[in-house]
Amino acid sequence: MLKSRSIWSIVFIISGLLCFGLNWIIEDYSELIVFIGAIFISLGAIFSFIAILKKEKGSMKFVSLVSFFIILFLITWFEPFQVLRIVTWLKNIV
């Protein structure tokens, strides 16, 4: 049976994908939606690492971790300016 950290990692990965998909669907670029999507995907990876360290049963934690790297690769491959916009936006906030 899946533990809560494995489930949360999948929930955050899917939420991040939905945010990036929403940004792709709308006509205007929304930095906030992309930023929230990046945070969700990062939280999914963090929860996956925690699940691996706690030695939870099941393979869902590995699926979430692999999904994290595949999603980041696809985002930087197809839309490299997304990453640049997020970094620039973070730099302007701080």
Protein backbone atom coordinates (compact mmCIF):
# COMPACT_ATOMS: atom_id res chain seq x y z
CA MET A 1 0.00 0.00 0.00
CA LEU A 2 1.19 3.48 -0.79
CA LYS A 3 2.20 5.77 2.00
CA SER A 4 1.18 9.38 2.18
CA ARG A 5 4.47 10.80 0.89
CA SER A 6 4.27 8.75 -2.30
CA ILE A 7 0.71 9.89 -2.87
CA TRP A 8 1.60 13.53 -2.20
CA SER A 9 4.53 13.33 -4.61
CA ILE A 10 2.23 12.16 -7.41
CA VAL A 11 -0.40 14.79 -6.51
CA PHE A 12 2.16 17.59 -6.68
CA ILE A 13 3.66 16.34 -9.95
CA ILE A 14 0.20 16.19 -11.56
CA SER A 15 -0.70 19.63 -10.16
CA GLY A 16 2.50 21.07 -11.63
CA LEU A 17 1.72 19.52 -14.99
CA LEU A 18 -1.77 20.98 -14.89
CA CYS A 19 -0.36 24.44 -14.17
CA PHE A 20 2.08 24.22 -17.08
CA GLY A 21 -0.71 22.89 -19.31
CA LEU A 22 -2.99 25.73 -18.23
CA ASN A 23 -0.28 28.26 -19.08
CA TRP A 24 0.15 26.63 -22.49
CA ILE A 25 -3.61 26.73 -23.16
CA ILE A 26 -4.20 30.38 -22.27
CA GLU A 27 -3.16 32.98 -24.81
CA ASP A 28 -1.21 35.22 -22.46
CA TYR A 29 1.89 34.12 -20.58
CA SER A 30 1.30 34.01 -16.83
CA GLU A 31 4.44 34.07 -14.72
CA LEU A 32 2.49 33.24 -11.59
CA ILE A 33 0.99 30.06 -13.06
CA VAL A 34 4.40 28.90 -14.31
CA PHE A 35 5.97 29.70 -10.95
CA ILE A 36 3.27 27.77 -9.06
CA GLY A 37 3.71 24.86 -11.48
CA ALA A 38 7.46 24.84 -10.87
CA ILE A 39 6.90 24.86 -7.11
CA PHE A 40 4.42 21.97 -7.35
CA ILE A 41 6.82 19.91 -9.47
CA SER A 42 9.67 20.64 -7.05
CA LEU A 43 7.50 19.64 -4.08
CA GLY A 44 6.65 16.41 -5.87
CA ALA A 45 10.36 15.63 -6.24
CA ILE A 46 11.03 16.50 -2.59
CA PHE A 47 8.24 14.23 -1.35
CA SER A 48 9.52 11.49 -3.63
CA PHE A 49 13.03 11.80 -2.16
CA ILE A 50 11.57 11.68 1.35
CA ALA A 51 9.57 8.56 0.45
CA ILE A 52 12.73 6.91 -0.88
CA LEU A 53 14.68 7.82 2.26
CA LYS A 54 11.89 6.48 4.49
CA LYS A 55 11.90 3.25 2.41
CA GLU A 56 8.20 3.31 1.66
CA LYS A 57 6.77 0.30 -0.14
CA GLY A 58 5.76 0.48 -3.76
CA SER A 59 7.27 1.91 -6.89
CA MET A 60 5.16 5.06 -7.14
CA LYS A 61 7.91 7.11 -5.48
CA PHE A 62 10.27 6.18 -8.32
CA VAL A 63 7.66 6.98 -10.97
CA SER A 64 7.25 10.43 -9.45
CA LEU A 65 10.99 11.04 -9.35
CA VAL A 66 11.51 9.92 -12.94
CA SER A 67 8.54 12.06 -13.99
CA PHE A 68 10.19 15.07 -12.36
CA PHE A 69 13.31 14.74 -14.49
CA ILE A 70 11.39 13.95 -17.68
CA ILE A 71 9.13 16.98 -17.18
CA LEU A 72 12.09 19.29 -16.57
CA PHE A 73 13.84 17.93 -19.64
CA LEU A 74 10.76 18.42 -21.83
CA ILE A 75 10.17 21.95 -20.53
CA THR A 76 13.76 23.00 -21.20
CA TRP A 77 13.75 21.26 -24.58
CA PHE A 78 10.49 22.64 -25.98
CA GLU A 79 10.23 25.94 -24.11
CA PRO A 80 13.66 26.99 -22.82
CA PHE A 81 12.50 30.52 -22.09
CA GLN A 82 10.14 29.22 -19.38
CA VAL A 83 13.13 28.51 -17.13
CA LEU A 84 14.72 31.84 -17.97
CA ARG A 85 11.48 33.69 -17.20
CA ILE A 86 11.12 31.96 -13.83
CA VAL A 87 14.70 32.77 -12.84
CA THR A 88 14.33 36.39 -13.97
CA TRP A 89 11.03 36.69 -12.11
CA LEU A 90 12.62 35.31 -8.93
CA LYS A 91 15.57 37.69 -9.28
CA ASN A 92 13.23 40.68 -9.58
CA ILE A 93 11.28 39.62 -6.48
CA VAL A 94 14.38 39.33 -4.29
